[in-house]
């Protein structure tokens, strides 16, 4: 596995979950692919236009157990665990990143609320 790619995508994922980035329409626009869509932990689907026009949840989150799974030379699945301090809940997340126009962009995202605690999912 390419550790450099994993680190780069993890940094992009951390930007995507960062409150300051999430407040910025311009920053979100850079991260999200034009065809971006997500299935939120709410069970509702959203596209890029909705995320940019109506905003996204502004919560303090920490990311753990980040892994990537290359699906094609220009497509990567990532999975991770989020501790959402603000909403006092945890989610399992997955994202599909695509290399578009020479840069990695978030194409798909899904969050699923989980009862698992951080101590249960941390790898030794």
PDB file of N, CA and C in Angstrom:
ATOM      1  N   UNK A   1       0.846  -1.180   0.000  1.00  0.00           N
ATOM      2  CA  UNK A   1       0.000   0.000   0.000  1.00  0.00           C
ATOM      3  C   UNK A   1       0.894   1.248   0.000  1.00  0.00           C
ATOM      4  N   UNK A   2       0.485   2.230  -0.724  1.00  0.00           N
ATOM      5  CA  UNK A   2       1.253   3.464  -0.835  1.00  0.00           C
ATOM      6  C   UNK A   2       1.004   4.350   0.388  1.00  0.00           C
ATOM      7  N   UNK A   3       1.978   4.393   1.296  1.00  0.00           N
ATOM      8  CA  UNK A   3       1.833   5.174   2.534  1.00  0.00           C
ATOM      9  C   UNK A   3       1.714   6.673   2.258  1.00  0.00           C
ATOM     10  N   UNK A   4       2.396   7.139   1.212  1.00  0.00           N
ATOM     11  CA  UNK A   4       2.327   8.569   0.874  1.00  0.00           C
ATOM     12  C   UNK A   4       0.899   8.938   0.438  1.00  0.00           C
ATOM     13  N   UNK A   5       0.279   8.096  -0.384  1.00  0.00           N
ATOM     14  CA  UNK A   5      -1.095   8.337  -0.808  1.00  0.00           C
ATOM     15  C   UNK A   5      -2.037   8.253   0.392  1.00  0.00           C
ATOM     16  N   UNK A   6      -1.834   7.263   1.248  1.00  0.00           N
ATOM     17  CA  UNK A   6      -2.679   7.118   2.438  1.00  0.00           C
ATOM     18  C   UNK A   6      -2.605   8.373   3.299  1.00  0.00           C
ATOM     19  N   UNK A   7      -1.413   8.892   3.517  1.00  0.00           N
ATOM     20  CA  UNK A   7      -1.249  10.093   4.338  1.00  0.00           C
ATOM     21  C   UNK A   7      -1.914  11.295   3.680  1.00  0.00           C
ATOM     22  N   UNK A   8      -1.752  11.431   2.366  1.00  0.00           N
ATOM     23  CA  UNK A   8      -2.360  12.555   1.640  1.00  0.00           C
ATOM     24  C   UNK A   8      -3.892  12.510   1.742  1.00  0.00           C
ATOM     25  N   UNK A   9      -4.470  11.336   1.511  1.00  0.00           N
ATOM     26  CA  UNK A   9      -5.924  11.216   1.584  1.00  0.00           C
ATOM     27  C   UNK A   9      -6.426  11.400   3.012  1.00  0.00           C
ATOM     28  N   UNK A  10      -5.662  10.942   3.983  1.00  0.00           N
ATOM     29  CA  UNK A  10      -6.049  11.155   5.385  1.00  0.00           C
ATOM     30  C   UNK A  10      -6.073  12.649   5.697  1.00  0.00           C
ATOM     31  N   UNK A  11      -5.085  13.384   5.202  1.00  0.00           N
ATOM     32  CA  UNK A  11      -5.068  14.837   5.420  1.00  0.00           C
ATOM     33  C   UNK A  11      -6.282  15.495   4.761  1.00  0.00           C
ATOM     34  N   UNK A  12      -6.646  15.056   3.555  1.00  0.00           N
ATOM     35  CA  UNK A  12      -7.837  15.594   2.886  1.00  0.00           C
ATOM     36  C   UNK A  12      -9.099  15.251   3.682  1.00  0.00           C
ATOM     37  N   UNK A  13      -9.150  14.033   4.200  1.00  0.00           N
ATOM     38  CA  UNK A  13     -10.310  13.598   4.995  1.00  0.00           C
ATOM     39  C   UNK A  13     -10.403  14.433   6.266  1.00  0.00           C
ATOM     40  N   UNK A  14      -9.263  14.703   6.896  1.00  0.00           N
ATOM     41  CA  UNK A  14      -9.264  15.535   8.103  1.00  0.00           C
ATOM     42  C   UNK A  14      -9.697  16.966   7.777  1.00  0.00           C
ATOM     43  N   UNK A  15      -9.335  17.450   6.596  1.00  0.00           N
ATOM     44  CA  UNK A  15      -9.812  18.769   6.175  1.00  0.00           C
ATOM     45  C   UNK A  15     -11.333  18.733   6.023  1.00  0.00           C
ATOM     46  N   UNK A  16     -11.830  17.665   5.415  1.00  0.00           N
ATOM     47  CA  UNK A  16     -13.271  17.519   5.191  1.00  0.00           C
ATOM     48  C   UNK A  16     -14.049  17.510   6.505  1.00  0.00           C
ATOM     49  N   UNK A  17     -13.446  17.039   7.586  1.00  0.00           N
ATOM     50  CA  UNK A  17     -14.132  16.989   8.880  1.00  0.00           C
ATOM     51  C   UNK A  17     -13.803  18.189   9.765  1.00  0.00           C
ATOM     52  N   UNK A  18     -12.935  19.083   9.313  1.00  0.00           N
ATOM     53  CA  UNK A  18     -12.509  20.251  10.094  1.00  0.00           C
ATOM     54  C   UNK A  18     -13.594  21.335  10.078  1.00  0.00           C
ATOM     55  N   UNK A  19     -13.929  21.854  11.250  1.00  0.00           N
ATOM     56  CA  UNK A  19     -14.995  22.859  11.363  1.00  0.00           C
ATOM     57  C   UNK A  19     -14.716  24.074  10.491  1.00  0.00           C
ATOM     58  N   UNK A  20     -13.500  24.587  10.503  1.00  0.00           N
ATOM     59  CA  UNK A  20     -13.187  25.794   9.732  1.00  0.00           C
ATOM     60  C   UNK A  20     -13.338  25.555   8.232  1.00  0.00           C
ATOM     61  N   UNK A  21     -12.896  24.399   7.767  1.00  0.00           N
ATOM     62  CA  UNK A  21     -13.043  24.064   6.348  1.00  0.00           C
ATOM     63  C   UNK A  21     -14.524  23.906   6.011  1.00  0.00           C
ATOM     64  N   UNK A  22     -15.268  23.258   6.897  1.00  0.00           N
ATOM     65  CA  UNK A  22     -16.689  23.021   6.652  1.00  0.00           C
ATOM     66  C   UNK A  22     -17.497  24.325   6.621  1.00  0.00           C
ATOM     67  N   UNK A  23     -16.990  25.366   7.260  1.00  0.00           N
ATOM     68  CA  UNK A  23     -17.656  26.681   7.238  1.00  0.00           C
ATOM     69  C   UNK A  23     -17.417  27.397   5.917  1.00  0.00           C
ATOM     70  N   UNK A  24     -16.400  26.985   5.174  1.00  0.00           N
ATOM     71  CA  UNK A  24     -15.979  27.696   3.969  1.00  0.00           C
ATOM     72  C   UNK A  24     -16.511  27.027   2.702  1.00  0.00           C
ATOM     73  N   UNK A  25     -17.401  27.693   2.029  1.00  0.00           N
ATOM     74  CA  UNK A  25     -17.940  27.179   0.766  1.00  0.00           C
ATOM     75  C   UNK A  25     -16.808  26.926  -0.228  1.00  0.00           C
ATOM     76  N   UNK A  26     -15.831  27.837  -0.262  1.00  0.00           N
ATOM     77  CA  UNK A  26     -14.713  27.723  -1.207  1.00  0.00           C
ATOM     78  C   UNK A  26     -13.859  26.491  -0.909  1.00  0.00           C
ATOM     79  N   UNK A  27     -13.561  26.262   0.360  1.00  0.00           N
ATOM     80  CA  UNK A  27     -12.739  25.103   0.729  1.00  0.00           C
ATOM     81  C   UNK A  27     -13.482  23.791   0.457  1.00  0.00           C
ATOM     82  N   UNK A  28     -14.761  23.744   0.792  1.00  0.00           N
ATOM     83  CA  UNK A  28     -15.550  22.541   0.518  1.00  0.00           C
ATOM     84  C   UNK A  28     -15.627  22.286  -0.979  1.00  0.00           C
ATOM     85  N   UNK A  29     -15.774  23.349  -1.747  1.00  0.00           N
ATOM     86  CA  UNK A  29     -15.865  23.229  -3.198  1.00  0.00           C
ATOM     87  C   UNK A  29     -14.611  22.579  -3.783  1.00  0.00           C
ATOM     88  N   UNK A  30     -13.449  22.868  -3.185  1.00  0.00           N
ATOM     89  CA  UNK A  30     -12.185  22.282  -3.652  1.00  0.00           C
ATOM     90  C   UNK A  30     -12.113  20.783  -3.346  1.00  0.00           C
ATOM     91  N   UNK A  31     -12.645  20.381  -2.208  1.00  0.00           N
ATOM     92  CA  UNK A  31     -12.546  18.989  -1.762  1.00  0.00           C
ATOM     93  C   UNK A  31     -13.558  18.092  -2.466  1.00  0.00           C
ATOM     94  N   UNK A  32     -14.774  18.601  -2.647  1.00  0.00           N
ATOM     95  CA  UNK A  32     -15.852  17.780  -3.201  1.00  0.00           C
ATOM     96  C   UNK A  32     -15.814  17.760  -4.721  1.00  0.00           C
ATOM     97  N   UNK A  33     -15.877  16.576  -5.297  1.00  0.00           N
ATOM     98  CA  UNK A  33     -15.971  16.438  -6.757  1.00  0.00           C
ATOM     99  C   UNK A  33     -17.314  17.004  -7.210  1.00  0.00           C
ATOM    100  N   UNK A  34     -17.394  17.433  -8.448  1.00  0.00           N
ATOM    101  CA  UNK A  34     -18.654  17.978  -8.958  1.00  0.00           C
ATOM    102  C   UNK A  34     -19.792  16.968  -8.851  1.00  0.00           C
ATOM    103  N   UNK A  35     -19.497  15.684  -9.032  1.00  0.00           N
ATOM    104  CA  UNK A  35     -20.524  14.630  -8.962  1.00  0.00           C
ATOM    105  C   UNK A  35     -20.668  14.052  -7.549  1.00  0.00           C
ATOM    106  N   UNK A  36     -20.097  14.723  -6.538  1.00  0.00           N
ATOM    107  CA  UNK A  36     -20.143  14.237  -5.152  1.00  0.00           C
ATOM    108  C   UNK A  36     -21.572  13.989  -4.685  1.00  0.00           C
ATOM    109  N   UNK A  37     -21.725  12.887  -3.920  1.00  0.00           N
ATOM    110  CA  UNK A  37     -22.963  12.658  -3.181  1.00  0.00           C
ATOM    111  C   UNK A  37     -22.634  11.900  -1.915  1.00  0.00           C
ATOM    112  N   UNK A  38     -23.533  12.005  -0.942  1.00  0.00           N
ATOM    113  CA  UNK A  38     -23.303  11.306   0.315  1.00  0.00           C
ATOM    114  C   UNK A  38     -24.599  10.755   0.860  1.00  0.00           C
ATOM    115  N   UNK A  39     -24.447   9.693   1.631  1.00  0.00           N
ATOM    116  CA  UNK A  39     -25.542   9.160   2.424  1.00  0.00           C
ATOM    117  C   UNK A  39     -25.160   9.490   3.865  1.00  0.00           C
ATOM    118  N   UNK A  40     -25.855  10.454   4.429  1.00  0.00           N
ATOM    119  CA  UNK A  40     -25.506  10.919   5.765  1.00  0.00           C
ATOM    120  C   UNK A  40     -25.928   9.944   6.844  1.00  0.00           C
ATOM    121  N   UNK A  41     -25.384  10.146   8.037  1.00  0.00           N
ATOM    122  CA  UNK A  41     -25.753   9.294   9.171  1.00  0.00           C
ATOM    123  C   UNK A  41     -27.238   9.479   9.508  1.00  0.00           C
ATOM    124  N   UNK A  42     -27.843  10.547   8.975  1.00  0.00           N
ATOM    125  CA  UNK A  42     -29.274  10.792   9.150  1.00  0.00           C
ATOM    126  C   UNK A  42     -30.119   9.853   8.296  1.00  0.00           C
ATOM    127  N   UNK A  43     -29.475   9.223   7.291  1.00  0.00           N
ATOM    128  CA  UNK A  43     -30.207   8.381   6.366  1.00  0.00           C
ATOM    129  C   UNK A  43     -30.650   9.123   5.114  1.00  0.00           C
ATOM    130  N   UNK A  44     -30.396  10.423   5.056  1.00  0.00           N
ATOM    131  CA  UNK A  44     -30.742  11.223   3.884  1.00  0.00           C
ATOM    132  C   UNK A  44     -29.553  11.342   2.946  1.00  0.00           C
ATOM    133  N   UNK A  45     -29.873  11.540   1.648  1.00  0.00           N
ATOM    134  CA  UNK A  45     -28.822  11.712   0.644  1.00  0.00           C
ATOM    135  C   UNK A  45     -28.669  13.193   0.330  1.00  0.00           C
ATOM    136  N   UNK A  46     -27.421  13.595   0.061  1.00  0.00           N
ATOM    137  CA  UNK A  46     -27.089  14.978  -0.268  1.00  0.00           C
ATOM    138  C   UNK A  46     -26.116  14.981  -1.442  1.00  0.00           C
ATOM    139  N   UNK A  47     -26.180  16.031  -2.266  1.00  0.00           N
ATOM    140  CA  UNK A  47     -25.200  16.181  -3.333  1.00  0.00           C
ATOM    141  C   UNK A  47     -24.334  17.410  -3.055  1.00  0.00           C
ATOM    142  N   UNK A  48     -23.388  17.666  -3.934  1.00  0.00           N
ATOM    143  CA  UNK A  48     -22.459  18.781  -3.726  1.00  0.00           C
ATOM    144  C   UNK A  48     -23.201  20.105  -3.621  1.00  0.00           C
ATOM    145  N   UNK A  49     -24.156  20.320  -4.520  1.00  0.00           N
ATOM    146  CA  UNK A  49     -24.894  21.589  -4.522  1.00  0.00           C
ATOM    147  C   UNK A  49     -25.564  21.819  -3.169  1.00  0.00           C
ATOM    148  N   UNK A  50     -26.211  20.797  -2.632  1.00  0.00           N
ATOM    149  CA  UNK A  50     -26.883  20.935  -1.327  1.00  0.00           C
ATOM    150  C   UNK A  50     -25.882  21.216  -0.219  1.00  0.00           C
ATOM    151  N   UNK A  51     -24.732  20.546  -0.244  1.00  0.00           N
ATOM    152  CA  UNK A  51     -23.707  20.769   0.785  1.00  0.00           C
ATOM    153  C   UNK A  51     -23.182  22.201   0.740  1.00  0.00           C
ATOM    154  N   UNK A  52     -22.973  22.720  -0.472  1.00  0.00           N
ATOM    155  CA  UNK A  52     -22.439  24.078  -0.604  1.00  0.00           C
ATOM    156  C   UNK A  52     -23.499  25.131  -0.287  1.00  0.00           C
ATOM    157  N   UNK A  53     -24.734  24.902  -0.688  1.00  0.00           N
ATOM    158  CA  UNK A  53     -25.783  25.900  -0.474  1.00  0.00           C
ATOM    159  C   UNK A  53     -26.304  25.923   0.952  1.00  0.00           C
ATOM    160  N   UNK A  54     -26.484  24.751   1.549  1.00  0.00           N
ATOM    161  CA  UNK A  54     -27.096  24.682   2.867  1.00  0.00           C
ATOM    162  C   UNK A  54     -26.103  24.396   3.986  1.00  0.00           C
ATOM    163  N   UNK A  55     -24.866  24.093   3.619  1.00  0.00           N
ATOM    164  CA  UNK A  55     -23.840  23.811   4.610  1.00  0.00           C
ATOM    165  C   UNK A  55     -23.869  22.377   5.092  1.00  0.00           C
ATOM    166  N   UNK A  56     -22.871  22.054   5.891  1.00  0.00           N
ATOM    167  CA  UNK A  56     -22.744  20.715   6.457  1.00  0.00           C
ATOM    168  C   UNK A  56     -22.635  20.847   7.969  1.00  0.00           C
ATOM    169  N   UNK A  57     -22.796  19.752   8.680  1.00  0.00           N
ATOM    170  CA  UNK A  57     -22.757  19.782  10.143  1.00  0.00           C
ATOM    171  C   UNK A  57     -21.416  20.327  10.638  1.00  0.00           C
ATOM    172  N   UNK A  58     -21.496  21.287  11.548  1.00  0.00           N
ATOM    173  CA  UNK A  58     -20.291  21.880  12.116  1.00  0.00           C
ATOM    174  C   UNK A  58     -20.095  21.302  13.508  1.00  0.00           C
ATOM    175  N   UNK A  59     -19.330  20.220  13.574  1.00  0.00           N
ATOM    176  CA  UNK A  59     -19.109  19.536  14.840  1.00  0.00           C
ATOM    177  C   UNK A  59     -17.620  19.247  15.024  1.00  0.00           C
ATOM    178  N   UNK A  60     -17.220  19.143  16.271  1.00  0.00           N
ATOM    179  CA  UNK A  60     -15.827  18.804  16.580  1.00  0.00           C
ATOM    180  C   UNK A  60     -15.685  17.290  16.495  1.00  0.00           C
ATOM    181  N   UNK A  61     -14.817  16.852  15.571  1.00  0.00           N
ATOM    182  CA  UNK A  61     -14.649  15.423  15.322  1.00  0.00           C
ATOM    183  C   UNK A  61     -13.183  15.024  15.364  1.00  0.00           C
ATOM    184  N   UNK A  62     -12.931  13.793  15.792  1.00  0.00           N
ATOM    185  CA  UNK A  62     -11.580  13.235  15.688  1.00  0.00           C
ATOM    186  C   UNK A  62     -11.664  11.934  14.897  1.00  0.00           C
ATOM    187  N   UNK A  63     -10.660  11.731  14.042  1.00  0.00           N
ATOM    188  CA  UNK A  63     -10.627  10.627  13.091  1.00  0.00           C
ATOM    189  C   UNK A  63      -9.656   9.557  13.578  1.00  0.00           C
ATOM    190  N   UNK A  64     -10.060   8.286  13.472  1.00  0.00           N
ATOM    191  CA  UNK A  64      -9.235   7.171  13.952  1.00  0.00           C
ATOM    192  C   UNK A  64      -9.313   6.001  12.965  1.00  0.00           C
ATOM    193  N   UNK A  65      -8.284   5.141  13.006  1.00  0.00           N
ATOM    194  CA  UNK A  65      -8.239   3.900  12.212  1.00  0.00           C
ATOM    195  C   UNK A  65      -8.399   4.146  10.715  1.00  0.00           C
ATOM    196  N   UNK A  66      -7.707   5.120  10.186  1.00  0.00           N
ATOM    197  CA  UNK A  66      -7.827   5.450   8.768  1.00  0.00           C
ATOM    198  C   UNK A  66      -7.136   4.391   7.922  1.00  0.00           C
ATOM    199  N   UNK A  67      -7.864   3.852   6.962  1.00  0.00           N
ATOM    200  CA  UNK A  67      -7.316   2.853   6.040  1.00  0.00           C
ATOM    201  C   UNK A  67      -7.755   3.198   4.627  1.00  0.00           C
ATOM    202  N   UNK A  68      -6.943   2.802   3.653  1.00  0.00           N
ATOM    203  CA  UNK A  68      -7.342   2.975   2.256  1.00  0.00           C
ATOM    204  C   UNK A  68      -7.282   1.634   1.535  1.00  0.00           C
ATOM    205  N   UNK A  69      -8.137   1.522   0.520  1.00  0.00           N
ATOM    206  CA  UNK A  69      -8.245   0.323  -0.287  1.00  0.00           C
ATOM    207  C   UNK A  69      -8.332   0.752  -1.749  1.00  0.00           C
ATOM    208  N   UNK A  70      -7.216   0.709  -2.475  1.00  0.00           N
ATOM    209  CA  UNK A  70      -7.249   1.117  -3.884  1.00  0.00           C
ATOM    210  C   UNK A  70      -8.218   0.235  -4.678  1.00  0.00           C
ATOM    211  N   UNK A  71      -9.084   0.885  -5.454  1.00  0.00           N
ATOM    212  CA  UNK A  71     -10.048   0.172  -6.289  1.00  0.00           C
ATOM    213  C   UNK A  71      -9.629   0.199  -7.756  1.00  0.00           C
ATOM    214  N   UNK A  72      -8.869   1.214  -8.126  1.00  0.00           N
ATOM    215  CA  UNK A  72      -8.340   1.404  -9.480  1.00  0.00           C
ATOM    216  C   UNK A  72      -7.187   2.403  -9.332  1.00  0.00           C
ATOM    217  N   UNK A  73      -6.373   2.605 -10.359  1.00  0.00           N
ATOM    218  CA  UNK A  73      -5.249   3.541 -10.213  1.00  0.00           C
ATOM    219  C   UNK A  73      -5.675   4.948  -9.781  1.00  0.00           C
ATOM    220  N   UNK A  74      -6.898   5.353 -10.125  1.00  0.00           N
ATOM    221  CA  UNK A  74      -7.351   6.706  -9.801  1.00  0.00           C
ATOM    222  C   UNK A  74      -8.586   6.732  -8.898  1.00  0.00           C
ATOM    223  N   UNK A  75      -8.848   5.604  -8.205  1.00  0.00           N
ATOM    224  CA  UNK A  75     -10.008   5.520  -7.311  1.00  0.00           C
ATOM    225  C   UNK A  75      -9.604   4.769  -6.039  1.00  0.00           C
ATOM    226  N   UNK A  76      -9.916   5.358  -4.879  1.00  0.00           N
ATOM    227  CA  UNK A  76      -9.552   4.753  -3.599  1.00  0.00           C
ATOM    228  C   UNK A  76     -10.744   4.812  -2.644  1.00  0.00           C
ATOM    229  N   UNK A  77     -10.995   3.692  -1.968  1.00  0.00           N
ATOM    230  CA  UNK A  77     -11.969   3.639  -0.890  1.00  0.00           C
ATOM    231  C   UNK A  77     -11.223   3.882   0.413  1.00  0.00           C
ATOM    232  N   UNK A  78     -11.744   4.746   1.261  1.00  0.00           N
ATOM    233  CA  UNK A  78     -11.149   4.926   2.591  1.00  0.00           C
ATOM    234  C   UNK A  78     -12.207   4.624   3.640  1.00  0.00           C
ATOM    235  N   UNK A  79     -11.759   4.089   4.761  1.00  0.00           N
ATOM    236  CA  UNK A  79     -12.654   3.809   5.882  1.00  0.00           C
ATOM    237  C   UNK A  79     -12.012   4.343   7.149  1.00  0.00           C
ATOM    238  N   UNK A  80     -12.865   4.759   8.084  1.00  0.00           N
ATOM    239  CA  UNK A  80     -12.361   5.276   9.351  1.00  0.00           C
ATOM    240  C   UNK A  80     -13.488   5.389  10.365  1.00  0.00           C
ATOM    241  N   UNK A  81     -13.102   5.739  11.575  1.00  0.00           N
ATOM    242  CA  UNK A  81     -14.008   5.855  12.715  1.00  0.00           C
ATOM    243  C   UNK A  81     -13.940   7.298  13.197  1.00  0.00           C
ATOM    244  N   UNK A  82     -15.084   7.884  13.483  1.00  0.00           N
ATOM    245  CA  UNK A  82     -15.149   9.275  13.953  1.00  0.00           C
ATOM    246  C   UNK A  82     -15.750   9.331  15.347  1.00  0.00           C
ATOM    247  N   UNK A  83     -15.093  10.089  16.225  1.00  0.00           N
ATOM    248  CA  UNK A  83     -15.672  10.466  17.506  1.00  0.00           C
ATOM    249  C   UNK A  83     -16.200  11.887  17.307  1.00  0.00           C
ATOM    250  N   UNK A  84     -17.507  12.053  17.384  1.00  0.00           N
ATOM    251  CA  UNK A  84     -18.162  13.355  17.234  1.00  0.00           C
ATOM    252  C   UNK A  84     -18.416  13.887  18.641  1.00  0.00           C
ATOM    253  N   UNK A  85     -17.535  14.770  19.084  1.00  0.00           N
ATOM    254  CA  UNK A  85     -17.596  15.311  20.446  1.00  0.00           C
ATOM    255  C   UNK A  85     -18.849  16.172  20.620  1.00  0.00           C
ATOM    256  N   UNK A  86     -19.165  16.967  19.623  1.00  0.00           N
ATOM    257  CA  UNK A  86     -20.291  17.899  19.710  1.00  0.00           C
ATOM    258  C   UNK A  86     -21.624  17.170  19.856  1.00  0.00           C
ATOM    259  N   UNK A  87     -21.849  16.168  19.019  1.00  0.00           N
ATOM    260  CA  UNK A  87     -23.135  15.454  19.047  1.00  0.00           C
ATOM    261  C   UNK A  87     -23.105  14.227  19.954  1.00  0.00           C
ATOM    262  N   UNK A  88     -21.954  14.006  20.592  1.00  0.00           N
ATOM    263  CA  UNK A  88     -21.780  12.882  21.522  1.00  0.00           C
ATOM    264  C   UNK A  88     -22.221  11.563  20.893  1.00  0.00           C
ATOM    265  N   UNK A  89     -21.646  11.289  19.727  1.00  0.00           N
ATOM    266  CA  UNK A  89     -21.918  10.023  19.051  1.00  0.00           C
ATOM    267  C   UNK A  89     -20.708   9.646  18.206  1.00  0.00           C
ATOM    268  N   UNK A  90     -20.671   8.393  17.815  1.00  0.00           N
ATOM    269  CA  UNK A  90     -19.568   7.883  17.016  1.00  0.00           C
ATOM    270  C   UNK A  90     -20.116   7.337  15.703  1.00  0.00           C
ATOM    271  N   UNK A  91     -19.309   7.443  14.654  1.00  0.00           N
ATOM    272  CA  UNK A  91     -19.742   6.938  13.360  1.00  0.00           C
ATOM    273  C   UNK A  91     -18.626   6.173  12.669  1.00  0.00           C
ATOM    274  N   UNK A  92     -19.023   5.176  11.904  1.00  0.00           N
ATOM    275  CA  UNK A  92     -18.124   4.503  10.978  1.00  0.00           C
ATOM    276  C   UNK A  92     -18.326   5.202   9.646  1.00  0.00           C
ATOM    277  N   UNK A  93     -17.230   5.522   8.977  1.00  0.00           N
ATOM    278  CA  UNK A  93     -17.310   6.308   7.750  1.00  0.00           C
ATOM    279  C   UNK A  93     -16.591   5.612   6.613  1.00  0.00           C
ATOM    280  N   UNK A  94     -17.068   5.885   5.401  1.00  0.00           N
ATOM    281  CA  UNK A  94     -16.373   5.431   4.201  1.00  0.00           C
ATOM    282  C   UNK A  94     -16.456   6.541   3.170  1.00  0.00           C
ATOM    283  N   UNK A  95     -15.404   6.652   2.389  1.00  0.00           N
ATOM    284  CA  UNK A  95     -15.335   7.659   1.336  1.00  0.00           C
ATOM    285  C   UNK A  95     -14.723   7.029   0.097  1.00  0.00           C
ATOM    286  N   UNK A  96     -15.140   7.527  -1.051  1.00  0.00           N
ATOM    287  CA  UNK A  96     -14.482   7.160  -2.300  1.00  0.00           C
ATOM    288  C   UNK A  96     -13.846   8.427  -2.839  1.00  0.00           C
ATOM    289  N   UNK A  97     -12.526   8.360  -3.020  1.00  0.00           N
ATOM    290  CA  UNK A  97     -11.742   9.469  -3.555  1.00  0.00           C
ATOM    291  C   UNK A  97     -11.362   9.145  -4.991  1.00  0.00           C
ATOM    292  N   UNK A  98     -11.493  10.139  -5.882  1.00  0.00           N
ATOM    293  CA  UNK A  98     -11.124   9.951  -7.281  1.00  0.00           C
ATOM    294  C   UNK A  98     -10.094  11.014  -7.668  1.00  0.00           C
ATOM    295  N   UNK A  99      -9.127  10.599  -8.462  1.00  0.00           N
ATOM    296  CA  UNK A  99      -8.136  11.525  -9.008  1.00  0.00           C
ATOM    297  C   UNK A  99      -8.759  12.167 -10.241  1.00  0.00           C
ATOM    298  N   UNK A 100      -9.133  13.441 -10.104  1.00  0.00           N
ATOM    299  CA  UNK A 100      -9.829  14.174 -11.164  1.00  0.00           C
ATOM    300  C   UNK A 100      -9.027  15.440 -11.463  1.00  0.00           C
ATOM    301  N   UNK A 101      -8.691  15.634 -12.726  1.00  0.00           N
ATOM    302  CA  UNK A 101      -7.930  16.826 -13.135  1.00  0.00           C
ATOM    303  C   UNK A 101      -6.651  17.001 -12.314  1.00  0.00           C
ATOM    304  N   UNK A 102      -5.991  15.869 -12.007  1.00  0.00           N
ATOM    305  CA  UNK A 102      -4.700  15.921 -11.329  1.00  0.00           C
ATOM    306  C   UNK A 102      -4.742  16.091  -9.826  1.00  0.00           C
ATOM    307  N   UNK A 103      -5.938  16.082  -9.227  1.00  0.00           N
ATOM    308  CA  UNK A 103      -5.998  16.180  -7.757  1.00  0.00           C
ATOM    309  C   UNK A 103      -7.089  15.262  -7.219  1.00  0.00           C
ATOM    310  N   UNK A 104      -6.873  14.780  -5.998  1.00  0.00           N
ATOM    311  CA  UNK A 104      -7.812  13.868  -5.361  1.00  0.00           C
ATOM    312  C   UNK A 104      -9.012  14.653  -4.869  1.00  0.00           C
ATOM    313  N   UNK A 105     -10.203  14.177  -5.242  1.00  0.00           N
ATOM    314  CA  UNK A 105     -11.445  14.830  -4.849  1.00  0.00           C
ATOM    315  C   UNK A 105     -12.393  13.791  -4.244  1.00  0.00           C
ATOM    316  N   UNK A 106     -13.186  14.241  -3.288  1.00  0.00           N
ATOM    317  CA  UNK A 106     -14.138  13.364  -2.617  1.00  0.00           C
ATOM    318  C   UNK A 106     -15.348  13.158  -3.527  1.00  0.00           C
ATOM    319  N   UNK A 107     -15.575  11.903  -3.930  1.00  0.00           N
ATOM    320  CA  UNK A 107     -16.635  11.560  -4.868  1.00  0.00           C
ATOM    321  C   UNK A 107     -17.883  11.041  -4.141  1.00  0.00           C
ATOM    322  N   UNK A 108     -17.682  10.252  -3.068  1.00  0.00           N
ATOM    323  CA  UNK A 108     -18.789   9.661  -2.325  1.00  0.00           C
ATOM    324  C   UNK A 108     -18.413   9.580  -0.855  1.00  0.00           C
ATOM    325  N   UNK A 109     -19.414   9.736   0.008  1.00  0.00           N
ATOM    326  CA  UNK A 109     -19.165   9.628   1.445  1.00  0.00           C
ATOM    327  C   UNK A 109     -20.397   9.024   2.116  1.00  0.00           C
ATOM    328  N   UNK A 110     -20.157   8.201   3.142  1.00  0.00           N
ATOM    329  CA  UNK A 110     -21.255   7.656   3.938  1.00  0.00           C
ATOM    330  C   UNK A 110     -20.840   7.570   5.395  1.00  0.00           C
ATOM    331  N   UNK A 111     -21.764   7.915   6.275  1.00  0.00           N
ATOM    332  CA  UNK A 111     -21.538   7.804   7.719  1.00  0.00           C
ATOM    333  C   UNK A 111     -22.638   6.966   8.338  1.00  0.00           C
ATOM    334  N   UNK A 112     -22.243   6.065   9.224  1.00  0.00           N
ATOM    335  CA  UNK A 112     -23.210   5.216   9.916  1.00  0.00           C
ATOM    336  C   UNK A 112     -22.955   5.310  11.416  1.00  0.00           C
ATOM    337  N   UNK A 113     -23.972   5.697  12.162  1.00  0.00           N
ATOM    338  CA  UNK A 113     -23.832   5.797  13.619  1.00  0.00           C
ATOM    339  C   UNK A 113     -23.566   4.402  14.172  1.00  0.00           C
ATOM    340  N   UNK A 114     -22.613   4.327  15.116  1.00  0.00           N
ATOM    341  CA  UNK A 114     -22.280   3.046  15.734  1.00  0.00           C
ATOM    342  C   UNK A 114     -22.287   3.182  17.256  1.00  0.00           C
ATOM    343  N   UNK A 115     -22.693   2.127  17.950  1.00  0.00           N
ATOM    344  CA  UNK A 115     -22.618   2.146  19.407  1.00  0.00           C
ATOM    345  C   UNK A 115     -21.201   1.851  19.919  1.00  0.00           C
ATOM    346  N   UNK A 116     -20.299   1.432  19.024  1.00  0.00           N
ATOM    347  CA  UNK A 116     -18.940   1.065  19.461  1.00  0.00           C
ATOM    348  C   UNK A 116     -18.199   2.290  19.995  1.00  0.00           C
ATOM    349  N   UNK A 117     -17.479   2.078  21.065  1.00  0.00           N
ATOM    350  CA  UNK A 117     -16.650   3.129  21.671  1.00  0.00           C
ATOM    351  C   UNK A 117     -15.267   3.093  21.050  1.00  0.00           C
ATOM    352  N   UNK A 118     -14.543   4.198  21.183  1.00  0.00           N
ATOM    353  CA  UNK A 118     -13.204   4.307  20.621  1.00  0.00           C
ATOM    354  C   UNK A 118     -12.302   3.177  21.098  1.00  0.00           C
ATOM    355  N   UNK A 119     -12.374   2.838  22.369  1.00  0.00           N
ATOM    356  CA  UNK A 119     -11.515   1.774  22.914  1.00  0.00           C
ATOM    357  C   UNK A 119     -11.773   0.424  22.237  1.00  0.00           C
ATOM    358  N   UNK A 120     -12.967   0.238  21.698  1.00  0.00           N
ATOM    359  CA  UNK A 120     -13.304  -1.020  21.029  1.00  0.00           C
ATOM    360  C   UNK A 120     -12.751  -1.104  19.614  1.00  0.00           C
ATOM    361  N   UNK A 121     -12.482   0.024  18.996  1.00  0.00           N
ATOM    362  CA  UNK A 121     -12.062   0.005  17.601  1.00  0.00           C
ATOM    363  C   UNK A 121     -10.587   0.317  17.395  1.00  0.00           C
ATOM    364  N   UNK A 122      -9.918   0.867  18.411  1.00  0.00           N
ATOM    365  CA  UNK A 122      -8.507   1.200  18.257  1.00  0.00           C
ATOM    366  C   UNK A 122      -7.681  -0.054  18.022  1.00  0.00           C
ATOM    367  N   UNK A 123      -6.784   0.046  17.056  1.00  0.00           N
ATOM    368  CA  UNK A 123      -5.884  -1.077  16.765  1.00  0.00           C
ATOM    369  C   UNK A 123      -4.634  -0.958  17.636  1.00  0.00           C
ATOM    370  N   UNK A 124      -4.138  -2.097  18.047  1.00  0.00           N
ATOM    371  CA  UNK A 124      -2.923  -2.047  18.871  1.00  0.00           C
ATOM    372  C   UNK A 124      -1.698  -1.890  18.027  1.00  0.00           C
TER     373      UNK A 124
END
